Amino acid sequence: MIKKKFTIVLFMMIIALSTGVVYLRHVSYSNNDKENNNTIYLIDTIKKDNNVISTLPDITLSSDNGNDLAGLYKDEDEYYFRGNVDNNYVSLEDMLWRVVSFTDDEIKIVLENGIMNNQEFAYDDTKYITSYEESNIINEVNNWYKNYLANLNFEIENIGILDYDTVIKAGASNLTNNESFFLYNENDTWLSTIKEDDLEIESSIIWFLSDNGMLDIAFPEESKTIRPTITIRNPILLNGDGTKESPYYLT
């Protein structure tokens, strides 16, 4: 039996009952061997699309201030991107994301820009805050998720925001600016990590990624943007090559 290449074209029809307007969204993908039920997974595709860098970087320096290569690194069971990479874009729910890290079973992505068109939010309305889980900002993240991503057909392992260690691995530093790594986006962005309580000024201190690409600190009452992260268990890839022009499209 001759196996033929074919293209499956999907149409999603969304009917706006209030206006009677019908919108059509067209998505196409190719599968040359559907008879064998070959499923393409995002994690497997990223591994094939990248040469894993075996020498671990010097994370005491920013990625643009040392001899590290930009690309995909592996540290024990974790793979993570570092530096000015341009092939880790993901399209999900018509929003642009970046792949941060993954294991063999799950992958973490972060929203390219802040929620609500880079609207700024206070971390909390009190001076002392002991954890991200007890802050006001977690409510903003969870509410945004419910409004925009609650109907995803994925197994979601975790919802949150970036933390200090993740941003360090990606290429930032608390000593120098870095506008040449993939998490930089020209906005002050909250991180989940609380640095310490400063007894002299009677306030907690929160880490954030600054608009010049350096890790900095702020008080909880200050306002910064929020970029949610989600960790998905082994998502299926529809199409794309990870570039901004053709991001990995998840289904």
Protein backbone atom coordinates (compact mmCIF):
# COMPACT_ATOMS: atom_id res chain seq x y z
CA MET A 1 0.00 0.00 0.00
CA ILE A 2 1.43 3.37 -1.03
CA LYS A 3 1.55 5.97 1.75
CA LYS A 4 0.56 9.38 0.53
CA LYS A 5 1.51 12.70 2.00
CA PHE A 6 -1.42 14.73 3.03
CA THR A 7 -2.25 17.96 4.75
CA ILE A 8 -4.90 18.26 7.36
CA VAL A 9 -6.66 21.56 7.50
CA LEU A 10 -8.46 22.50 10.65
CA PHE A 11 -11.02 25.20 10.93
CA MET A 12 -12.10 26.50 14.29
CA MET A 13 -15.34 28.39 14.22
CA ILE A 14 -16.00 30.86 16.99
CA ILE A 15 -19.48 32.32 17.04
CA ALA A 16 -20.00 35.60 18.84
CA LEU A 17 -23.64 35.30 19.81
CA SER A 18 -23.91 38.86 20.94
CA THR A 19 -22.99 40.28 17.54
CA GLY A 20 -23.84 37.44 15.20
CA VAL A 21 -20.34 37.72 13.71
CA VAL A 22 -18.60 34.50 12.73
CA TYR A 23 -14.80 34.30 12.78
CA LEU A 24 -12.81 31.56 11.05
CA ARG A 25 -9.36 30.60 12.14
CA HIS A 26 -7.28 28.54 9.74
CA VAL A 27 -4.49 26.28 10.88
CA SER A 28 -2.72 23.72 8.71
CA TYR A 29 -0.09 21.10 9.35
CA SER A 30 1.51 18.22 7.53
CA ASN A 31 1.88 14.64 8.63
CA ASN A 32 3.53 12.17 6.28
CA ASP A 33 2.81 9.08 8.31
CA LYS A 34 -0.44 9.39 10.15
CA GLU A 35 -1.19 5.71 9.43
CA ASN A 36 1.50 4.87 11.96
CA ASN A 37 0.06 7.44 14.40
CA ASN A 38 3.38 9.23 14.81
CA THR A 39 2.86 12.06 17.27
CA ILE A 40 5.32 14.95 17.29
CA TYR A 41 6.17 16.32 20.73
CA LEU A 42 7.59 19.77 21.40
CA ILE A 43 10.33 18.54 23.73
CA ASP A 44 11.62 16.00 21.20
CA THR A 45 11.57 18.63 18.45
CA ILE A 46 13.58 21.15 20.50
CA LYS A 47 16.21 18.51 21.21
CA LYS A 48 16.49 17.76 17.49
CA ASP A 49 16.61 21.45 16.56
CA ASN A 50 19.46 22.29 18.95
CA ASN A 51 22.95 21.08 19.67
CA VAL A 52 23.15 20.71 23.44
CA ILE A 53 26.09 22.62 24.92
CA SER A 54 27.92 20.25 27.25
CA THR A 55 30.12 22.80 29.08
CA LEU A 56 28.10 24.56 31.76
CA PRO A 57 28.21 28.37 31.69
CA ASP A 58 29.65 30.71 34.28
CA ILE A 59 26.40 31.98 35.78
CA THR A 60 28.23 34.45 38.03
CA LEU A 61 28.51 36.61 34.89
CA SER A 62 25.79 37.79 32.53
CA SER A 63 25.61 35.86 29.28
CA ASP A 64 27.00 38.82 27.30
CA ASN A 65 29.90 39.40 29.69
CA GLY A 66 31.75 36.11 29.45
CA ASN A 67 32.76 33.38 27.04
CA ASP A 68 29.52 31.40 27.18
CA LEU A 69 27.80 30.33 23.98
CA ALA A 70 24.15 31.19 23.42
CA GLY A 71 21.99 28.11 23.10
CA LEU A 72 20.59 25.07 24.86
CA TYR A 73 22.39 23.76 27.95
CA LYS A 74 21.87 20.62 29.99
CA ASP A 75 22.49 20.32 33.72
CA GLU A 76 21.70 16.82 34.99
CA ASP A 77 18.03 16.24 34.01
CA GLU A 78 17.24 19.85 33.10
CA TYR A 79 17.67 21.53 29.72
CA TYR A 80 17.60 25.34 29.63
CA PHE A 81 18.16 28.15 27.17
CA ARG A 82 20.75 30.86 27.82
CA GLY A 83 21.80 34.01 26.05
CA ASN A 84 20.53 35.69 22.92
CA VAL A 85 18.73 32.70 21.40
CA ASP A 86 16.09 33.20 18.71
CA ASN A 87 14.63 29.72 18.20
CA ASN A 88 12.62 29.19 21.40
CA TYR A 89 9.39 31.01 20.51
CA VAL A 90 6.05 29.33 21.17
CA SER A 91 2.55 30.29 20.05
CA LEU A 92 -0.18 29.38 22.51
CA GLU A 93 -3.71 30.82 22.51
CA ASP A 94 -2.60 33.47 19.99
CA MET A 95 0.02 34.73 22.46
CA LEU A 96 3.79 34.64 22.06
CA TRP A 97 5.85 32.77 24.67
CA ARG A 98 9.48 31.70 25.13
CA VAL A 99 10.73 28.28 26.17
CA VAL A 100 12.70 28.67 29.39
CA SER A 101 13.59 25.11 30.37
CA PHE A 102 12.41 21.52 30.17
CA THR A 103 13.03 17.95 31.26
CA ASP A 104 12.17 14.78 29.36
CA ASP A 105 8.58 15.03 30.61
CA GLU A 106 7.60 18.69 31.05
CA ILE A 107 8.41 22.13 29.69
CA LYS A 108 8.27 25.64 31.16
CA ILE A 109 7.34 28.62 28.98
CA VAL A 110 7.05 32.30 29.87
CA LEU A 111 4.90 34.99 28.29
CA GLU A 112 6.99 37.23 26.01
CA ASN A 113 5.45 40.43 27.43
CA GLY A 114 3.58 41.48 30.54
CA ILE A 115 -0.10 40.70 31.01
CA MET A 116 -2.73 43.31 30.18
CA ASN A 117 -0.45 45.10 27.69
CA ASN A 118 2.39 45.43 30.19
CA GLN A 119 0.21 46.86 32.93
CA GLU A 120 2.11 47.26 36.20
CA PHE A 121 1.05 45.76 39.54
CA ALA A 122 2.25 46.03 43.12
CA TYR A 123 3.76 42.83 44.49
CA ASP A 124 1.77 43.29 47.67
CA ASP A 125 0.13 46.10 49.66
CA THR A 126 2.09 45.39 52.84
CA LYS A 127 5.72 46.07 53.69
CA TYR A 128 6.43 42.54 54.91
CA ILE A 129 5.66 39.59 52.68
CA THR A 130 7.06 36.14 53.42
CA SER A 131 6.51 34.34 50.12
CA TYR A 132 5.15 34.65 46.60
CA GLU A 133 2.36 32.24 47.56
CA GLU A 134 1.07 34.72 50.16
CA SER A 135 1.32 37.83 47.97
CA ASN A 136 -1.31 39.78 46.07
CA ILE A 137 0.53 39.20 42.82
CA ILE A 138 -0.28 35.49 42.81
CA ASN A 139 -3.96 36.41 42.65
CA GLU A 140 -3.32 38.52 39.55
CA VAL A 141 -1.52 35.59 37.91
CA ASN A 142 -4.24 33.08 38.78
CA ASN A 143 -7.04 35.38 37.65
CA TRP A 144 -5.29 36.03 34.35
CA TYR A 145 -4.84 32.30 33.85
CA LYS A 146 -8.54 31.63 34.50
CA ASN A 147 -9.55 34.33 32.03
CA TYR A 148 -7.21 33.39 29.19
CA LEU A 149 -5.88 29.84 29.59
CA ALA A 150 -8.37 27.86 31.67
CA ASN A 151 -9.62 25.88 28.66
CA LEU A 152 -6.24 24.60 27.52
CA ASN A 153 -6.19 20.94 26.48
CA PHE A 154 -2.91 20.33 28.28
CA GLU A 155 -1.83 18.78 31.52
CA ILE A 156 -0.63 21.86 33.41
CA GLU A 157 1.88 21.09 36.14
CA ASN A 158 2.45 24.59 37.47
CA ILE A 159 1.45 28.24 37.03
CA GLY A 160 3.63 31.06 38.34
CA ILE A 161 6.18 33.71 37.41
CA LEU A 162 9.93 33.66 36.84
CA ASP A 163 12.28 33.25 39.81
CA TYR A 164 15.78 34.56 40.49
CA ASP A 165 17.69 31.34 39.74
CA THR A 166 15.89 30.81 36.43
CA VAL A 167 16.72 34.32 35.21
CA ILE A 168 20.36 33.91 36.26
CA LYS A 169 20.63 30.73 34.19
CA ALA A 170 18.99 32.48 31.24
CA GLY A 171 21.72 35.12 31.22
CA ALA A 172 21.01 37.94 33.67
CA SER A 173 23.24 39.19 36.48
CA ASN A 174 22.77 41.36 39.56
CA LEU A 175 25.99 43.21 38.71
CA THR A 176 25.68 44.34 35.09
CA ASN A 177 23.06 45.17 32.48
CA ASN A 178 22.26 42.67 29.74
CA GLU A 179 19.97 43.65 26.90
CA SER A 180 21.09 40.69 24.77
CA PHE A 181 19.39 37.65 26.27
CA PHE A 182 16.02 36.16 25.47
CA LEU A 183 14.18 37.18 28.66
CA TYR A 184 14.96 40.88 28.21
CA ASN A 185 11.95 42.92 27.09
CA GLU A 186 12.44 46.59 28.11
CA ASN A 187 10.12 46.43 31.14
CA ASP A 188 10.63 46.05 34.87
CA THR A 189 9.26 42.58 35.66
CA TRP A 190 8.56 41.03 39.05
CA LEU A 191 10.22 37.76 40.07
CA SER A 192 8.80 35.40 42.66
CA THR A 193 11.97 35.45 44.79
CA ILE A 194 12.02 37.50 47.99
CA LYS A 195 15.57 38.60 48.78
CA GLU A 196 15.32 39.37 52.47
CA ASP A 197 13.71 41.52 55.12
CA ASP A 198 15.63 44.73 55.71
CA LEU A 199 15.22 45.54 59.39
CA GLU A 200 16.65 49.03 59.02
CA ILE A 201 14.01 50.13 56.54
CA GLU A 202 11.37 47.76 57.93
CA SER A 203 10.36 46.13 54.66
CA SER A 204 10.77 43.02 52.58
CA ILE A 205 12.84 43.30 49.41
CA ILE A 206 11.75 41.61 46.17
CA TRP A 207 13.87 40.72 43.16
CA PHE A 208 12.83 41.97 39.72
CA LEU A 209 14.31 41.98 36.21
CA SER A 210 14.89 45.61 35.30
CA ASP A 211 14.25 47.39 32.02
CA ASN A 212 18.00 47.36 31.32
CA GLY A 213 18.29 43.61 31.79
CA MET A 214 19.84 43.55 35.27
CA LEU A 215 18.53 41.84 38.38
CA ASP A 216 17.54 44.49 40.90
CA ILE A 217 15.49 44.86 44.09
CA ALA A 218 12.35 46.77 45.03
CA PHE A 219 9.81 47.17 47.82
CA PRO A 220 6.54 45.20 47.63
CA GLU A 221 4.40 48.34 47.18
CA GLU A 222 6.21 49.31 43.96
CA SER A 223 4.66 48.42 40.59
CA LYS A 224 6.18 46.20 37.89
CA THR A 225 4.89 44.07 35.03
CA ILE A 226 3.93 40.41 35.40
CA ARG A 227 5.00 37.68 32.99
CA PRO A 228 3.32 34.36 33.85
CA THR A 229 4.99 31.01 33.39
CA ILE A 230 3.26 27.71 32.84
CA THR A 231 4.76 24.24 33.04
CA ILE A 232 3.14 21.78 30.64
CA ARG A 233 3.50 18.04 30.59
CA ASN A 234 4.86 16.89 27.21
CA PRO A 235 2.77 19.06 24.83
CA ILE A 236 2.13 18.02 21.22
CA LEU A 237 3.60 20.18 18.47
CA LEU A 238 1.40 21.18 15.53
CA ASN A 239 3.94 23.08 13.42
CA GLY A 240 6.62 25.78 13.44
CA ASP A 241 10.39 25.93 13.81
CA GLY A 242 10.74 28.04 16.97
CA THR A 243 11.57 31.34 15.28
CA LYS A 244 9.59 34.50 15.93
CA GLU A 245 8.25 34.36 12.39
CA SER A 246 7.25 30.71 12.74
CA PRO A 247 6.97 29.84 16.46
CA TYR A 248 6.32 26.36 17.73
CA TYR A 249 2.53 26.07 17.53
CA LEU A 250 1.03 23.91 20.26
CA THR A 251 -2.14 21.89 20.07
